[in-house]
């Protein structure tokens, strides 16, 4: 199940980068991609450590527990997943929120909410047990808002779009690549537009 979660997270990163296109800043794009890939790597490392310990325990070897390797393995898994990976997740959330504020890819309240949750991830050092759930729930909310919210759908833009389509295509790099407006735009569109 974990590999599919990693693939879904990679897909989320690709969708965000595709949606931003030419609007994304190189510095923030590099930190965005790097922190996302580093997070996936840490999660996979923690899963591999846990899988290895479970496989050795399933073989019936009592030596693993007596030698202290079991305790060491559990501490490594906790350190990797709950400390290091959550810090990288906080960095990912901060960068995504910054990119969202710069490009208006998500609503402003969502970016500010992302900053708040990222601070919670960065400042909690394994003390709050449920804090790892913050990151996947925030990603789920971002994915939902990405489908519903389109910053190009402001009510004032419809007159420009209807009368000056060529000008809008030159100004908006997402339109020039053939991207259509999302479902939220259809909600505000007029039948004659």
Protein backbone atom coordinates (compact mmCIF):
# COMPACT_ATOMS: atom_id res chain seq x y z
CA UNK A 1 0.00 0.00 0.00
CA UNK A 2 2.86 2.38 0.77
CA UNK A 3 4.28 2.39 -2.78
CA UNK A 4 0.89 3.52 -4.08
CA UNK A 5 0.84 6.36 -1.55
CA UNK A 6 4.30 7.39 -2.76
CA UNK A 7 3.14 7.33 -6.37
CA UNK A 8 0.07 9.39 -5.46
CA UNK A 9 2.29 11.97 -3.73
CA UNK A 10 4.58 12.13 -6.76
CA UNK A 11 1.48 12.64 -8.89
CA UNK A 12 0.41 15.50 -6.60
CA UNK A 13 3.82 17.16 -7.03
CA UNK A 14 3.60 16.77 -10.81
CA UNK A 15 0.08 18.22 -10.94
CA UNK A 16 1.10 21.25 -8.88
CA UNK A 17 4.17 21.87 -11.05
CA UNK A 18 2.13 21.43 -14.24
CA UNK A 19 -0.56 23.80 -13.04
CA UNK A 20 1.97 26.49 -12.15
CA UNK A 21 3.94 26.06 -15.36
CA UNK A 22 5.96 29.14 -16.22
CA UNK A 23 4.70 31.03 -13.17
CA UNK A 24 6.79 29.13 -10.66
CA UNK A 25 9.97 30.61 -9.26
CA UNK A 26 13.11 28.49 -9.78
CA UNK A 27 14.27 28.75 -6.18
CA UNK A 28 10.93 27.73 -4.68
CA UNK A 29 10.40 25.11 -7.39
CA UNK A 30 13.72 23.50 -6.48
CA UNK A 31 12.91 23.45 -2.75
CA UNK A 32 9.39 22.21 -3.52
CA UNK A 33 10.61 19.29 -5.63
CA UNK A 34 13.59 18.50 -3.39
CA UNK A 35 11.60 18.44 -0.16
CA UNK A 36 8.88 16.33 -1.77
CA UNK A 37 11.36 13.76 -3.03
CA UNK A 38 13.26 13.76 0.27
CA UNK A 39 10.00 13.16 2.16
CA UNK A 40 9.13 10.18 -0.03
CA UNK A 41 12.64 8.78 0.42
CA UNK A 42 12.42 9.05 4.21
CA UNK A 43 9.03 7.37 4.31
CA UNK A 44 10.31 4.52 2.15
CA UNK A 45 13.43 4.14 4.33
CA UNK A 46 11.28 3.95 7.48
CA UNK A 47 9.02 1.39 5.80
CA UNK A 48 12.02 -0.69 4.70
CA UNK A 49 13.44 -0.68 8.23
CA UNK A 50 10.08 -1.72 9.67
CA UNK A 51 9.66 -4.43 7.04
CA UNK A 52 13.12 -5.81 7.74
CA UNK A 53 12.50 -5.97 11.48
CA UNK A 54 9.14 -7.69 10.96
CA UNK A 55 10.65 -10.23 8.59
CA UNK A 56 13.39 -11.16 11.07
CA UNK A 57 10.85 -11.36 13.92
CA UNK A 58 8.59 -13.57 11.80
CA UNK A 59 11.46 -16.03 11.27
CA UNK A 60 11.35 -16.78 14.99
CA UNK A 61 14.75 -15.42 15.85
CA UNK A 62 14.94 -14.48 19.53
CA UNK A 63 18.45 -13.13 19.05
CA UNK A 64 17.08 -9.90 17.51
CA UNK A 65 15.31 -8.88 20.71
CA UNK A 66 18.10 -10.04 23.03
CA UNK A 67 20.82 -8.19 21.12
CA UNK A 68 19.08 -4.83 21.26
CA UNK A 69 18.82 -4.57 17.48
CA UNK A 70 15.02 -4.53 17.76
CA UNK A 71 15.10 -1.51 20.07
CA UNK A 72 17.61 0.21 17.81
CA UNK A 73 15.49 -0.48 14.74
CA UNK A 74 12.36 0.91 16.38
CA UNK A 75 14.25 4.04 17.44
CA UNK A 76 15.57 4.49 13.89
CA UNK A 77 12.08 4.12 12.44
CA UNK A 78 10.67 6.64 14.91
CA UNK A 79 13.50 9.10 14.28
CA UNK A 80 13.22 8.79 10.51
CA UNK A 81 9.44 8.99 10.26
CA UNK A 82 8.26 11.11 13.16
CA UNK A 83 11.14 13.56 13.44
CA UNK A 84 13.05 13.93 10.16
CA UNK A 85 10.27 13.19 7.65
CA UNK A 86 7.82 15.45 9.49
CA UNK A 87 10.35 18.31 9.41
CA UNK A 88 10.74 17.86 5.67
CA UNK A 89 6.95 17.71 5.34
CA UNK A 90 6.79 21.06 7.16
CA UNK A 91 9.32 22.53 4.72
CA UNK A 92 7.24 21.16 1.82
CA UNK A 93 4.10 22.75 3.27
CA UNK A 94 5.83 26.11 3.75
CA UNK A 95 7.18 26.15 0.21
CA UNK A 96 3.83 25.09 -1.25
CA UNK A 97 2.10 27.82 0.75
CA UNK A 98 4.63 30.40 -0.44
CA UNK A 99 4.18 29.34 -4.06
CA UNK A 100 0.40 29.47 -3.56
CA UNK A 101 0.60 33.02 -2.24
CA UNK A 102 2.82 34.13 -5.11
CA UNK A 103 0.80 32.54 -7.91
CA UNK A 104 -2.65 32.44 -6.27
CA UNK A 105 -2.85 28.73 -7.11
CA UNK A 106 -4.84 28.09 -3.92
CA UNK A 107 -7.02 30.39 -1.83
CA UNK A 108 -5.13 32.73 0.48
CA UNK A 109 -6.67 31.18 3.60
CA UNK A 110 -5.35 27.77 2.54
CA UNK A 111 -1.80 29.11 2.18
CA UNK A 112 -1.97 30.75 5.62
CA UNK A 113 -3.43 27.56 7.07
CA UNK A 114 -0.51 25.69 5.47
CA UNK A 115 1.97 28.00 7.22
CA UNK A 116 0.27 27.36 10.56
CA UNK A 117 0.30 23.58 10.13
CA UNK A 118 3.90 23.65 8.86
CA UNK A 119 4.97 25.49 11.99
CA UNK A 120 3.22 22.83 14.05
CA UNK A 121 5.16 20.13 12.18
CA UNK A 122 8.47 21.95 12.51
CA UNK A 123 8.11 22.82 16.19
CA UNK A 124 6.67 19.57 17.50
CA UNK A 125 9.59 17.26 18.12
CA UNK A 126 7.78 13.95 18.35
CA UNK A 127 5.71 15.13 21.32
CA UNK A 128 2.25 15.15 19.70
CA UNK A 129 1.28 11.65 18.60
CA UNK A 130 -1.30 12.66 15.95
CA UNK A 131 0.85 15.34 14.27
CA UNK A 132 1.95 13.06 11.37
CA UNK A 133 -1.71 13.00 10.24
CA UNK A 134 -1.60 16.74 9.57
CA UNK A 135 0.47 16.40 6.41
CA UNK A 136 -1.64 13.85 4.47
CA UNK A 137 -4.85 15.64 5.45
CA UNK A 138 -3.41 18.94 4.26
CA UNK A 139 -2.35 17.32 0.96
CA UNK A 140 -5.86 15.90 0.58
CA UNK A 141 -7.38 19.34 1.16
CA UNK A 142 -4.95 20.92 -1.32
CA UNK A 143 -5.86 18.31 -3.92
CA UNK A 144 -9.56 18.96 -3.39
CA UNK A 145 -9.14 22.72 -3.61
CA UNK A 146 -7.02 22.32 -6.72
CA UNK A 147 -10.01 20.69 -8.39
CA UNK A 148 -12.54 23.24 -7.15
CA UNK A 149 -10.63 26.54 -6.97
CA UNK A 150 -9.19 28.21 -10.04
CA UNK A 151 -7.64 31.64 -9.45
CA UNK A 152 -8.36 32.67 -13.03
CA UNK A 153 -12.09 32.48 -12.34
CA UNK A 154 -12.55 35.85 -10.76
CA UNK A 155 -15.86 37.36 -11.81
CA UNK A 156 -14.19 40.38 -13.40
CA UNK A 157 -12.12 38.24 -15.75
CA UNK A 158 -15.08 36.90 -17.71
CA UNK A 159 -15.61 40.13 -19.64
CA UNK A 160 -11.94 40.16 -20.63
CA UNK A 161 -12.09 36.51 -21.62
CA UNK A 162 -15.16 36.93 -23.79
CA UNK A 163 -13.99 40.05 -25.63
CA UNK A 164 -10.19 39.72 -25.61
CA UNK A 165 -9.48 36.01 -25.89
CA UNK A 166 -6.23 36.46 -27.84
CA UNK A 167 -4.87 38.93 -25.29
CA UNK A 168 -5.75 36.57 -22.42
CA UNK A 169 -4.02 33.68 -24.18
CA UNK A 170 -0.80 35.66 -24.50
CA UNK A 171 -1.00 36.83 -20.87
CA UNK A 172 -1.88 33.50 -19.27
CA UNK A 173 0.71 30.77 -19.96
CA UNK A 174 -1.72 28.07 -18.84
CA UNK A 175 -4.18 29.09 -21.55
CA UNK A 176 -1.49 29.19 -24.20
CA UNK A 177 -0.73 25.53 -23.46
CA UNK A 178 -4.34 24.61 -24.13
CA UNK A 179 -5.49 24.22 -20.54
CA UNK A 180 -9.19 24.73 -20.03
CA UNK A 181 -10.69 26.51 -17.08
CA UNK A 182 -11.65 24.22 -14.21
CA UNK A 183 -15.10 23.25 -12.94
CA UNK A 184 -15.26 26.23 -10.59
CA UNK A 185 -15.21 28.59 -13.58
CA UNK A 186 -18.25 26.98 -15.11
CA UNK A 187 -20.15 27.79 -11.97
CA UNK A 188 -19.64 31.54 -12.45
CA UNK A 189 -19.85 31.65 -16.23
CA UNK A 190 -22.72 33.23 -18.06
CA UNK A 191 -24.53 31.17 -20.72
CA UNK A 192 -23.73 33.74 -23.42
CA UNK A 193 -20.00 33.95 -22.56
